[in-house]
Each structure stands twice: as structure tokens, then as C-alpha cells.
Amino acid sequence: MPTREHIDQKPTSEQRSELAAQDTRDDDDRVATTPNGAYTGGYAYHELDDDGEIVCGGHSDGRFVEVTRAEAKRTGKTPAGSASGFSA
């Protein structure tokens, strides 16, 4: 099964599904992601802190939406590589 360390480019749909399945954190937690079809081509979801801010750094002020982890997984998103509490 692939891990984030073994993927050096944008993961394929199959790889994203496998990585998301490895994320056993609560699917009801809120995460941030880019809207589907966004120009950024984002494919990851990002953990939020208690103030609703993205935990992992390095993000522009691009457009993000807040969804449940389950919804992010269902729409083909994968955990961000530097997501707090998850090391894929």
C-alpha cells in the first residue's frame, strides 16, 4: 500500500483512495479542502485548529471550504502530507 513517502507527484485516484482509507481519524471532524473542480487542482484535505485555521503551513489564502473528513474522502481527497496526527 502506498504511503506519502513513496509518492513524489500528484497521487492517482487509486492512490488517493488508499491513503484516505489509512486515515483512521474521526470522519465527523471538520477539515479544509479546495472545492471540487477548483482551478488549483487541489487533491488534499487539511486539518483545522480550534479556530478553524489550517494547521499545516505553506498555503496561500486560496479558496478553501470546510467539510467533514468523510465528505473529503468521498470526493476523492487525501490527507495532506504534513497533516497533524497522521503520517501517511
C-alpha atoms as a PDB file:
ATOM      1  CA  MET A   1       0.000   0.000   0.000  1.00  0.00           C
ATOM      2  CA  PRO A   2       1.468   3.386  -0.911  1.00  0.00           C
ATOM      3  CA  THR A   3       2.459   5.906   1.691  1.00  0.00           C
ATOM      4  CA  ARG A   4       3.001   9.609   1.213  1.00  0.00           C
ATOM      5  CA  GLU A   5       6.776   8.994   1.238  1.00  0.00           C
ATOM      6  CA  HIS A   6       6.510   6.785  -1.854  1.00  0.00           C
ATOM      7  CA  ILE A   7       4.522   9.261  -3.943  1.00  0.00           C
ATOM      8  CA  ASP A   8       6.605  12.060  -5.423  1.00  0.00           C
ATOM      9  CA  GLN A   9       3.917  13.610  -7.631  1.00  0.00           C
ATOM     10  CA  LYS A  10       0.171  14.188  -7.521  1.00  0.00           C
ATOM     11  CA  PRO A  11      -1.322  10.860  -6.385  1.00  0.00           C
ATOM     12  CA  THR A  12      -3.581   8.967  -8.746  1.00  0.00           C
ATOM     13  CA  SER A  13      -7.238   8.479  -7.880  1.00  0.00           C
ATOM     14  CA  GLU A  14      -6.473   4.956  -6.665  1.00  0.00           C
ATOM     15  CA  GLN A  15      -3.573   6.162  -4.503  1.00  0.00           C
ATOM     16  CA  ARG A  16      -5.741   8.931  -3.020  1.00  0.00           C
ATOM     17  CA  SER A  17      -8.405   6.376  -2.088  1.00  0.00           C
ATOM     18  CA  GLU A  18      -5.823   4.110  -0.449  1.00  0.00           C
ATOM     19  CA  LEU A  19      -4.236   6.968   1.503  1.00  0.00           C
ATOM     20  CA  ALA A  20      -7.638   8.213   2.664  1.00  0.00           C
ATOM     21  CA  ALA A  21      -8.583   4.696   3.822  1.00  0.00           C
ATOM     22  CA  GLN A  22      -5.441   4.653   6.001  1.00  0.00           C
ATOM     23  CA  ASP A  23      -6.618   7.798   7.819  1.00  0.00           C
ATOM     24  CA  THR A  24      -8.488   6.369  10.798  1.00  0.00           C
ATOM     25  CA  ARG A  25      -9.233   9.686  12.491  1.00  0.00           C
ATOM     26  CA  ASP A  26     -12.875  10.583  13.132  1.00  0.00           C
ATOM     27  CA  ASP A  27     -14.749  11.015   9.850  1.00  0.00           C
ATOM     28  CA  ASP A  28     -17.042  13.573  11.514  1.00  0.00           C
ATOM     29  CA  ASP A  29     -14.151  16.008  12.162  1.00  0.00           C
ATOM     30  CA  ARG A  30     -14.131  19.169  10.060  1.00  0.00           C
ATOM     31  CA  VAL A  31     -11.288  19.634   7.539  1.00  0.00           C
ATOM     32  CA  ALA A  32     -10.496  22.165   4.820  1.00  0.00           C
ATOM     33  CA  THR A  33     -10.143  21.409   1.141  1.00  0.00           C
ATOM     34  CA  THR A  34     -10.429  23.154  -2.184  1.00  0.00           C
ATOM     35  CA  PRO A  35     -13.813  22.885  -3.863  1.00  0.00           C
ATOM     36  CA  ASN A  36     -14.063  20.113  -6.449  1.00  0.00           C
ATOM     37  CA  GLY A  37     -13.110  21.460  -9.837  1.00  0.00           C
ATOM     38  CA  ALA A  38     -11.114  24.306  -8.303  1.00  0.00           C
ATOM     39  CA  TYR A  39      -8.505  25.865 -10.555  1.00  0.00           C
ATOM     40  CA  THR A  40      -5.816  24.923  -8.042  1.00  0.00           C
ATOM     41  CA  GLY A  41      -6.292  21.230  -8.734  1.00  0.00           C
ATOM     42  CA  GLY A  42      -6.082  20.550  -5.001  1.00  0.00           C
ATOM     43  CA  TYR A  43      -6.495  16.939  -4.013  1.00  0.00           C
ATOM     44  CA  ALA A  44      -5.776  17.029  -0.270  1.00  0.00           C
ATOM     45  CA  TYR A  45      -7.711  17.827   2.845  1.00  0.00           C
ATOM     46  CA  HIS A  46      -6.144  19.754   5.678  1.00  0.00           C
ATOM     47  CA  GLU A  47      -6.613  19.596   9.430  1.00  0.00           C
ATOM     48  CA  LEU A  48      -8.105  22.599  11.202  1.00  0.00           C
ATOM     49  CA  ASP A  49      -7.224  24.008  14.607  1.00  0.00           C
ATOM     50  CA  ASP A  50      -9.786  25.062  17.212  1.00  0.00           C
ATOM     51  CA  ASP A  51     -10.142  28.440  15.457  1.00  0.00           C
ATOM     52  CA  GLY A  52     -10.892  26.836  12.078  1.00  0.00           C
ATOM     53  CA  GLU A  53      -7.458  27.707  10.644  1.00  0.00           C
ATOM     54  CA  ILE A  54      -5.459  25.243   8.534  1.00  0.00           C
ATOM     55  CA  VAL A  55      -2.837  23.596  10.754  1.00  0.00           C
ATOM     56  CA  CYS A  56      -0.189  22.756   8.161  1.00  0.00           C
ATOM     57  CA  GLY A  57       1.608  25.784   6.782  1.00  0.00           C
ATOM     58  CA  GLY A  58       2.612  26.819   3.318  1.00  0.00           C
ATOM     59  CA  HIS A  59      -0.852  27.564   1.967  1.00  0.00           C
ATOM     60  CA  SER A  60      -1.849  30.697   0.155  1.00  0.00           C
ATOM     61  CA  ASP A  61      -5.030  32.489   1.002  1.00  0.00           C
ATOM     62  CA  GLY A  62      -6.716  30.450  -1.709  1.00  0.00           C
ATOM     63  CA  ARG A  63     -10.319  29.412  -1.551  1.00  0.00           C
ATOM     64  CA  PHE A  64     -10.948  26.559   0.856  1.00  0.00           C
ATOM     65  CA  VAL A  65     -14.192  25.042   2.025  1.00  0.00           C
ATOM     66  CA  GLU A  66     -14.861  23.304   5.308  1.00  0.00           C
ATOM     67  CA  VAL A  67     -16.318  19.780   5.098  1.00  0.00           C
ATOM     68  CA  THR A  68     -16.278  16.610   7.171  1.00  0.00           C
ATOM     69  CA  ARG A  69     -13.369  14.240   6.707  1.00  0.00           C
ATOM     70  CA  ALA A  70     -15.880  11.667   5.377  1.00  0.00           C
ATOM     71  CA  GLU A  71     -17.076  14.092   2.683  1.00  0.00           C
ATOM     72  CA  ALA A  72     -13.485  14.932   1.708  1.00  0.00           C
ATOM     73  CA  LYS A  73     -12.703  11.229   1.343  1.00  0.00           C
ATOM     74  CA  ARG A  74     -15.909  10.609  -0.609  1.00  0.00           C
ATOM     75  CA  THR A  75     -14.958  13.285  -3.145  1.00  0.00           C
ATOM     76  CA  GLY A  76     -11.506  11.796  -3.785  1.00  0.00           C
ATOM     77  CA  LYS A  77      -9.398  13.918  -1.451  1.00  0.00           C
ATOM     78  CA  THR A  78      -6.456  12.548   0.509  1.00  0.00           C
ATOM     79  CA  PRO A  79      -4.867  13.630   3.806  1.00  0.00           C
ATOM     80  CA  ALA A  80      -2.310  16.408   3.378  1.00  0.00           C
ATOM     81  CA  GLY A  81       1.231  15.094   3.627  1.00  0.00           C
ATOM     82  CA  SER A  82       2.067  17.178   6.670  1.00  0.00           C
ATOM     83  CA  ALA A  83      -1.290  16.665   8.373  1.00  0.00           C
ATOM     84  CA  SER A  84      -1.035  16.780  12.137  1.00  0.00           C
ATOM     85  CA  GLY A  85      -1.606  13.393  13.737  1.00  0.00           C
ATOM     86  CA  PHE A  86      -1.322  11.380  10.520  1.00  0.00           C
ATOM     87  CA  SER A  87       1.810  10.164   8.823  1.00  0.00           C
ATOM     88  CA  ALA A  88       0.998   8.552   5.522  1.00  0.00           C
END
